[in-house]
Amino acid sequence: MDATGWRAFIAEKLKPGYVHRNMLSFGIETEVPYREENFHFFYEPEFLKNGVSWIFPCGEFSRFGVASYRGERKLLNRLDVFLERYRIRRRKVHGGFFCYSLKEPVIDNVFIVGCAQGQTLPLTGEGIRRCIKYGVKCGEIIRRILEGEITMDEGLEKYSRSALEPKVKYSWLLRLQNIILKVPERNLEIGARIVSHRFLSGFLEKRYLGI
């Protein structure tokens, strides 16, 4: 199994060029004591050009983060400014590069999992939920292979089919990300107002969480 993050060391060695270095975003986040029930995603070009910010709820805490679609790494100041809106101070920060290109999930007899396969979602940069899902799926398949329930070829095929199942949805998110990078800001502001309508945003959030 290759679960070595965006660098995908094993997959890259088996198939040079597997890592798409031109399709890397960079993001950081901090987990702070802030209770929130809803997922919040912000696109504000005057605050962070070619990037986004977010609030991901997680019980008594929330993850506040910022990311650059262009891979810009100097984001700590932007994160602090974002936190100041809510009168919150930054705690321990984590993050790094992540690949938003969903690639082959199997090379030879190697299962490629998580950010190594590009399972982080384009547009929002959300990866934990997706990577855990497919990490568990891959682990279950490997267990069945080791216990003789299925053959190696059957396991590789099952994982490949499962990991590529959301490819169309990933493609739509990537199209939206590319639109943000190319469309004039004025047009994006109009689109953002439409999407922010309470009814439409609730509908889109449910569809998003279904990916």
C-alpha atoms as a PDB file:
ATOM      1  CA  MET A   1       0.000   0.000   0.000  1.00  0.00           C
ATOM      2  CA  ASP A   2       1.213   3.498  -0.852  1.00  0.00           C
ATOM      3  CA  ALA A   3      -0.125   6.039   1.648  1.00  0.00           C
ATOM      4  CA  THR A   4       2.838   8.411   1.486  1.00  0.00           C
ATOM      5  CA  GLY A   5       0.903  11.624   0.850  1.00  0.00           C
ATOM      6  CA  TRP A   6       1.047  13.808  -2.246  1.00  0.00           C
ATOM      7  CA  ARG A   7       4.598  12.656  -3.049  1.00  0.00           C
ATOM      8  CA  ALA A   8       3.335   9.074  -3.608  1.00  0.00           C
ATOM      9  CA  PHE A   9       6.872   7.715  -3.319  1.00  0.00           C
ATOM     10  CA  ILE A  10       6.076   4.124  -4.285  1.00  0.00           C
ATOM     11  CA  ALA A  11       3.706   4.957  -7.141  1.00  0.00           C
ATOM     12  CA  GLU A  12       6.138   7.537  -8.525  1.00  0.00           C
ATOM     13  CA  LYS A  13       8.943   4.982  -8.485  1.00  0.00           C
ATOM     14  CA  LEU A  14       6.800   2.378 -10.247  1.00  0.00           C
ATOM     15  CA  LYS A  15       5.439   4.906 -12.744  1.00  0.00           C
ATOM     16  CA  PRO A  16       7.562   8.070 -13.143  1.00  0.00           C
ATOM     17  CA  GLY A  17       5.337  11.092 -13.686  1.00  0.00           C
ATOM     18  CA  TYR A  18       2.521   9.706 -11.535  1.00  0.00           C
ATOM     19  CA  VAL A  19       2.770  12.757  -9.260  1.00  0.00           C
ATOM     20  CA  HIS A  20       1.244  15.817 -10.930  1.00  0.00           C
ATOM     21  CA  ARG A  21       3.360  18.565  -9.412  1.00  0.00           C
ATOM     22  CA  ASN A  22       1.502  21.184 -11.427  1.00  0.00           C
ATOM     23  CA  MET A  23      -1.730  20.224  -9.620  1.00  0.00           C
ATOM     24  CA  LEU A  24      -0.842  20.931  -5.998  1.00  0.00           C
ATOM     25  CA  SER A  25      -2.532  23.304  -3.582  1.00  0.00           C
ATOM     26  CA  PHE A  26      -1.118  24.352  -0.232  1.00  0.00           C
ATOM     27  CA  GLY A  27      -3.162  24.833   2.914  1.00  0.00           C
ATOM     28  CA  ILE A  28      -2.852  25.219   6.665  1.00  0.00           C
ATOM     29  CA  GLU A  29      -5.380  25.019   9.469  1.00  0.00           C
ATOM     30  CA  THR A  30      -5.674  25.178  13.231  1.00  0.00           C
ATOM     31  CA  GLU A  31      -8.159  23.496  15.553  1.00  0.00           C
ATOM     32  CA  VAL A  32      -9.663  25.901  18.071  1.00  0.00           C
ATOM     33  CA  PRO A  33     -12.437  25.814  20.714  1.00  0.00           C
ATOM     34  CA  TYR A  34     -15.298  27.138  18.601  1.00  0.00           C
ATOM     35  CA  ARG A  35     -18.566  25.266  18.310  1.00  0.00           C
ATOM     36  CA  GLU A  36     -20.222  25.318  14.904  1.00  0.00           C
ATOM     37  CA  GLU A  37     -22.872  23.061  13.401  1.00  0.00           C
ATOM     38  CA  ASN A  38     -22.392  23.892   9.729  1.00  0.00           C
ATOM     39  CA  PHE A  39     -19.598  23.692   7.214  1.00  0.00           C
ATOM     40  CA  HIS A  40     -18.463  27.132   5.994  1.00  0.00           C
ATOM     41  CA  PHE A  41     -16.477  27.782   2.846  1.00  0.00           C
ATOM     42  CA  PHE A  42     -15.294  31.269   1.880  1.00  0.00           C
ATOM     43  CA  TYR A  43     -14.036  32.660  -1.404  1.00  0.00           C
ATOM     44  CA  GLU A  44     -12.917  36.269  -0.919  1.00  0.00           C
ATOM     45  CA  PRO A  45     -10.384  37.413  -3.531  1.00  0.00           C
ATOM     46  CA  GLU A  46      -9.786  40.680  -1.685  1.00  0.00           C
ATOM     47  CA  PHE A  47      -8.690  38.621   1.340  1.00  0.00           C
ATOM     48  CA  LEU A  48      -6.875  35.750  -0.370  1.00  0.00           C
ATOM     49  CA  LYS A  49      -6.435  35.851  -4.116  1.00  0.00           C
ATOM     50  CA  ASN A  50      -6.544  32.445  -5.824  1.00  0.00           C
ATOM     51  CA  GLY A  51      -7.402  30.773  -2.547  1.00  0.00           C
ATOM     52  CA  VAL A  52     -10.110  29.934  -0.049  1.00  0.00           C
ATOM     53  CA  SER A  53     -10.758  29.734   3.677  1.00  0.00           C
ATOM     54  CA  TRP A  54     -13.018  27.458   5.691  1.00  0.00           C
ATOM     55  CA  ILE A  55     -14.504  26.435   9.012  1.00  0.00           C
ATOM     56  CA  PHE A  56     -14.971  22.687   9.502  1.00  0.00           C
ATOM     57  CA  PRO A  57     -16.971  21.772  12.640  1.00  0.00           C
ATOM     58  CA  CYS A  58     -15.705  18.901  14.817  1.00  0.00           C
ATOM     59  CA  GLY A  59     -17.681  18.735  18.065  1.00  0.00           C
ATOM     60  CA  GLU A  60     -16.591  21.259  20.662  1.00  0.00           C
ATOM     61  CA  PHE A  61     -13.885  22.461  18.281  1.00  0.00           C
ATOM     62  CA  SER A  62     -13.686  23.725  14.705  1.00  0.00           C
ATOM     63  CA  ARG A  63     -10.893  23.694  12.170  1.00  0.00           C
ATOM     64  CA  PHE A  64     -10.149  27.114  10.692  1.00  0.00           C
ATOM     65  CA  GLY A  65      -8.008  27.028   7.597  1.00  0.00           C
ATOM     66  CA  VAL A  66      -6.790  28.816   4.490  1.00  0.00           C
ATOM     67  CA  ALA A  67      -5.436  27.418   1.239  1.00  0.00           C
ATOM     68  CA  SER A  68      -3.911  28.607  -2.002  1.00  0.00           C
ATOM     69  CA  TYR A  69      -4.855  26.887  -5.258  1.00  0.00           C
ATOM     70  CA  ARG A  70      -1.542  28.135  -6.659  1.00  0.00           C
ATOM     71  CA  GLY A  71       0.522  26.451  -3.960  1.00  0.00           C
ATOM     72  CA  GLU A  72       1.533  29.672  -2.194  1.00  0.00           C
ATOM     73  CA  ARG A  73       3.051  28.762   1.178  1.00  0.00           C
ATOM     74  CA  LYS A  74       3.164  32.065   3.087  1.00  0.00           C
ATOM     75  CA  LEU A  75      -0.318  31.806   4.586  1.00  0.00           C
ATOM     76  CA  LEU A  76       0.212  32.123   8.335  1.00  0.00           C
ATOM     77  CA  ASN A  77      -0.643  35.828   8.383  1.00  0.00           C
ATOM     78  CA  ARG A  78      -3.810  35.174   6.354  1.00  0.00           C
ATOM     79  CA  LEU A  79      -4.854  32.521   8.860  1.00  0.00           C
ATOM     80  CA  ASP A  80      -4.341  34.921  11.766  1.00  0.00           C
ATOM     81  CA  VAL A  81      -6.428  37.603  10.049  1.00  0.00           C
ATOM     82  CA  PHE A  82      -9.168  35.070   9.398  1.00  0.00           C
ATOM     83  CA  LEU A  83      -9.177  33.995  13.064  1.00  0.00           C
ATOM     84  CA  GLU A  84      -9.297  37.609  14.262  1.00  0.00           C
ATOM     85  CA  ARG A  85     -12.769  37.966  12.732  1.00  0.00           C
ATOM     86  CA  TYR A  86     -14.006  35.528  15.371  1.00  0.00           C
ATOM     87  CA  ARG A  87     -11.742  36.849  18.140  1.00  0.00           C
ATOM     88  CA  ILE A  88      -9.863  33.563  18.224  1.00  0.00           C
ATOM     89  CA  ARG A  89      -6.146  32.978  18.568  1.00  0.00           C
ATOM     90  CA  ARG A  90      -4.315  30.414  16.566  1.00  0.00           C
ATOM     91  CA  ARG A  91      -3.319  27.119  18.157  1.00  0.00           C
ATOM     92  CA  LYS A  92      -1.025  24.459  16.723  1.00  0.00           C
ATOM     93  CA  VAL A  93      -0.955  24.659  12.927  1.00  0.00           C
ATOM     94  CA  HIS A  94      -0.784  21.743  10.532  1.00  0.00           C
ATOM     95  CA  GLY A  95      -1.028  21.438   6.787  1.00  0.00           C
ATOM     96  CA  GLY A  96       1.041  21.213   3.634  1.00  0.00           C
ATOM     97  CA  PHE A  97       0.668  20.457  -0.041  1.00  0.00           C
ATOM     98  CA  PHE A  98      -2.199  18.334  -1.316  1.00  0.00           C
ATOM     99  CA  CYS A  99      -2.943  16.973  -4.754  1.00  0.00           C
ATOM    100  CA  TYR A 100      -6.352  17.677  -6.284  1.00  0.00           C
ATOM    101  CA  SER A 101      -5.962  15.309  -9.232  1.00  0.00           C
ATOM    102  CA  LEU A 102      -7.661  11.927  -8.785  1.00  0.00           C
ATOM    103  CA  LYS A 103      -5.223   9.423 -10.304  1.00  0.00           C
ATOM    104  CA  GLU A 104      -4.942   5.677 -10.812  1.00  0.00           C
ATOM    105  CA  PRO A 105      -5.693   3.857  -7.526  1.00  0.00           C
ATOM    106  CA  VAL A 106      -3.667   0.763  -8.446  1.00  0.00           C
ATOM    107  CA  ILE A 107      -0.254   0.298 -10.048  1.00  0.00           C
ATOM    108  CA  ASP A 108       1.011  -3.257 -10.432  1.00  0.00           C
ATOM    109  CA  ASN A 109       0.118  -4.882  -7.082  1.00  0.00           C
ATOM    110  CA  VAL A 110       0.175  -1.653  -5.060  1.00  0.00           C
ATOM    111  CA  PHE A 111      -2.930  -0.017  -3.580  1.00  0.00           C
ATOM    112  CA  ILE A 112      -2.609   3.791  -3.629  1.00  0.00           C
ATOM    113  CA  VAL A 113      -4.541   5.493  -0.847  1.00  0.00           C
ATOM    114  CA  GLY A 114      -5.330   8.984   0.408  1.00  0.00           C
ATOM    115  CA  CYS A 115      -3.541  12.049  -0.914  1.00  0.00           C
ATOM    116  CA  ALA A 116      -1.141   9.750  -2.750  1.00  0.00           C
ATOM    117  CA  GLN A 117      -3.999   8.939  -5.120  1.00  0.00           C
ATOM    118  CA  GLY A 118      -5.315  12.514  -5.026  1.00  0.00           C
ATOM    119  CA  GLN A 119      -8.369  11.797  -2.868  1.00  0.00           C
ATOM    120  CA  THR A 120      -8.364  15.317  -1.399  1.00  0.00           C
ATOM    121  CA  LEU A 121     -11.329  17.157  -2.885  1.00  0.00           C
ATOM    122  CA  PRO A 122     -10.687  19.965  -5.385  1.00  0.00           C
ATOM    123  CA  LEU A 123     -12.247  23.369  -4.591  1.00  0.00           C
ATOM    124  CA  THR A 124     -12.520  22.874  -0.814  1.00  0.00           C
ATOM    125  CA  GLY A 125      -9.291  20.976  -0.073  1.00  0.00           C
ATOM    126  CA  GLU A 126     -11.150  18.599   2.254  1.00  0.00           C
ATOM    127  CA  GLY A 127      -9.248  15.344   2.578  1.00  0.00           C
ATOM    128  CA  ILE A 128      -9.674  13.671   5.968  1.00  0.00           C
ATOM    129  CA  ARG A 129     -13.201  12.379   5.389  1.00  0.00           C
ATOM    130  CA  ARG A 130     -12.407  10.939   1.977  1.00  0.00           C
ATOM    131  CA  CYS A 131      -9.005   9.513   2.862  1.00  0.00           C
ATOM    132  CA  ILE A 132     -10.349   7.736   5.946  1.00  0.00           C
ATOM    133  CA  LYS A 133     -13.184   6.220   3.920  1.00  0.00           C
ATOM    134  CA  TYR A 134     -10.886   4.748   1.304  1.00  0.00           C
ATOM    135  CA  GLY A 135      -8.208   3.832   3.823  1.00  0.00           C
ATOM    136  CA  VAL A 136     -10.787   1.691   5.648  1.00  0.00           C
ATOM    137  CA  LYS A 137     -12.027   0.253   2.348  1.00  0.00           C
ATOM    138  CA  CYS A 138      -8.506  -0.641   1.286  1.00  0.00           C
ATOM    139  CA  GLY A 139      -7.727  -2.213   4.668  1.00  0.00           C
ATOM    140  CA  GLU A 140     -10.848  -4.379   4.480  1.00  0.00           C
ATOM    141  CA  ILE A 141      -9.921  -5.577   0.997  1.00  0.00           C
ATOM    142  CA  ILE A 142      -6.356  -6.415   2.047  1.00  0.00           C
ATOM    143  CA  ARG A 143      -7.689  -8.356   5.047  1.00  0.00           C
ATOM    144  CA  ARG A 144      -9.945 -10.406   2.746  1.00  0.00           C
ATOM    145  CA  ILE A 145      -6.965 -11.136   0.465  1.00  0.00           C
ATOM    146  CA  LEU A 146      -4.787 -12.253   3.389  1.00  0.00           C
ATOM    147  CA  GLU A 147      -7.555 -14.464   4.753  1.00  0.00           C
ATOM    148  CA  GLY A 148      -8.068 -16.090   1.357  1.00  0.00           C
ATOM    149  CA  GLU A 149     -11.604 -14.801   0.781  1.00  0.00           C
ATOM    150  CA  ILE A 150     -10.644 -13.159  -2.529  1.00  0.00           C
ATOM    151  CA  THR A 151      -7.628 -13.237  -4.817  1.00  0.00           C
ATOM    152  CA  MET A 152      -5.129 -10.416  -5.163  1.00  0.00           C
ATOM    153  CA  ASP A 153      -6.470  -9.570  -8.620  1.00  0.00           C
ATOM    154  CA  GLU A 154     -10.035  -9.464  -7.297  1.00  0.00           C
ATOM    155  CA  GLY A 155      -8.968  -7.182  -4.454  1.00  0.00           C
ATOM    156  CA  LEU A 156      -7.118  -4.797  -6.744  1.00  0.00           C
ATOM    157  CA  GLU A 157     -10.132  -4.636  -9.050  1.00  0.00           C
ATOM    158  CA  LYS A 158     -12.575  -4.009  -6.190  1.00  0.00           C
ATOM    159  CA  TYR A 159     -10.472  -1.208  -4.749  1.00  0.00           C
ATOM    160  CA  SER A 160      -9.851   0.384  -8.130  1.00  0.00           C
ATOM    161  CA  ARG A 161     -13.560   0.412  -8.956  1.00  0.00           C
ATOM    162  CA  SER A 162     -14.463   1.876  -5.563  1.00  0.00           C
ATOM    163  CA  ALA A 163     -11.745   4.561  -5.550  1.00  0.00           C
ATOM    164  CA  LEU A 164     -12.687   5.785  -9.026  1.00  0.00           C
ATOM    165  CA  GLU A 165     -16.453   5.771  -8.396  1.00  0.00           C
ATOM    166  CA  PRO A 166     -16.579   9.502  -7.429  1.00  0.00           C
ATOM    167  CA  LYS A 167     -14.405  10.618 -10.384  1.00  0.00           C
ATOM    168  CA  VAL A 168     -17.235  12.518 -12.100  1.00  0.00           C
ATOM    169  CA  LYS A 169     -18.004  14.460  -8.901  1.00  0.00           C
ATOM    170  CA  TYR A 170     -14.326  15.263  -8.429  1.00  0.00           C
ATOM    171  CA  SER A 171     -14.239  16.545 -12.003  1.00  0.00           C
ATOM    172  CA  TRP A 172     -17.119  18.945 -11.316  1.00  0.00           C
ATOM    173  CA  LEU A 173     -15.364  20.350  -8.248  1.00  0.00           C
ATOM    174  CA  LEU A 174     -12.168  20.777 -10.271  1.00  0.00           C
ATOM    175  CA  ARG A 175     -14.097  22.664 -12.966  1.00  0.00           C
ATOM    176  CA  LEU A 176     -15.421  25.043 -10.320  1.00  0.00           C
ATOM    177  CA  GLN A 177     -11.913  25.541  -8.947  1.00  0.00           C
ATOM    178  CA  ASN A 178     -10.616  26.358 -12.416  1.00  0.00           C
ATOM    179  CA  ILE A 179     -13.482  28.809 -12.916  1.00  0.00           C
ATOM    180  CA  ILE A 180     -12.432  30.668  -9.779  1.00  0.00           C
ATOM    181  CA  LEU A 181      -8.909  30.967 -11.158  1.00  0.00           C
ATOM    182  CA  LYS A 182      -9.983  32.212 -14.596  1.00  0.00           C
ATOM    183  CA  VAL A 183     -13.269  34.114 -14.386  1.00  0.00           C
ATOM    184  CA  PRO A 184     -13.170  37.899 -13.663  1.00  0.00           C
ATOM    185  CA  GLU A 185     -13.763  38.720 -10.000  1.00  0.00           C
ATOM    186  CA  ARG A 186     -16.883  40.776 -10.731  1.00  0.00           C
ATOM    187  CA  ASN A 187     -18.596  37.781 -12.338  1.00  0.00           C
ATOM    188  CA  LEU A 188     -17.534  35.576  -9.448  1.00  0.00           C
ATOM    189  CA  GLU A 189     -19.025  38.014  -6.942  1.00  0.00           C
ATOM    190  CA  ILE A 190     -22.392  37.770  -8.701  1.00  0.00           C
ATOM    191  CA  GLY A 191     -22.166  33.979  -8.742  1.00  0.00           C
ATOM    192  CA  ALA A 192     -21.150  33.907  -5.067  1.00  0.00           C
ATOM    193  CA  ARG A 193     -24.217  35.954  -4.084  1.00  0.00           C
ATOM    194  CA  ILE A 194     -26.468  33.504  -5.906  1.00  0.00           C
ATOM    195  CA  VAL A 195     -24.828  30.439  -4.367  1.00  0.00           C
ATOM    196  CA  SER A 196     -24.962  32.050  -0.897  1.00  0.00           C
ATOM    197  CA  HIS A 197     -28.756  32.158  -0.938  1.00  0.00           C
ATOM    198  CA  ARG A 198     -29.898  30.144   2.076  1.00  0.00           C
ATOM    199  CA  PHE A 199     -31.994  27.635   0.124  1.00  0.00           C
ATOM    200  CA  LEU A 200     -29.413  27.031  -2.590  1.00  0.00           C
ATOM    201  CA  SER A 201     -26.435  26.867  -0.229  1.00  0.00           C
ATOM    202  CA  GLY A 202     -28.223  24.272   1.923  1.00  0.00           C
ATOM    203  CA  PHE A 203     -28.960  22.173  -1.135  1.00  0.00           C
ATOM    204  CA  LEU A 204     -25.370  22.394  -2.373  1.00  0.00           C
ATOM    205  CA  GLU A 205     -23.974  21.521   1.057  1.00  0.00           C
ATOM    206  CA  LYS A 206     -26.009  18.303   1.160  1.00  0.00           C
ATOM    207  CA  ARG A 207     -24.839  17.355  -2.329  1.00  0.00           C
ATOM    208  CA  TYR A 208     -21.247  18.163  -1.389  1.00  0.00           C
ATOM    209  CA  LEU A 209     -21.343  16.053   1.775  1.00  0.00           C
ATOM    210  CA  GLY A 210     -22.668  13.177  -0.343  1.00  0.00           C
ATOM    211  CA  ILE A 211     -19.423  12.993  -2.330  1.00  0.00           C
END
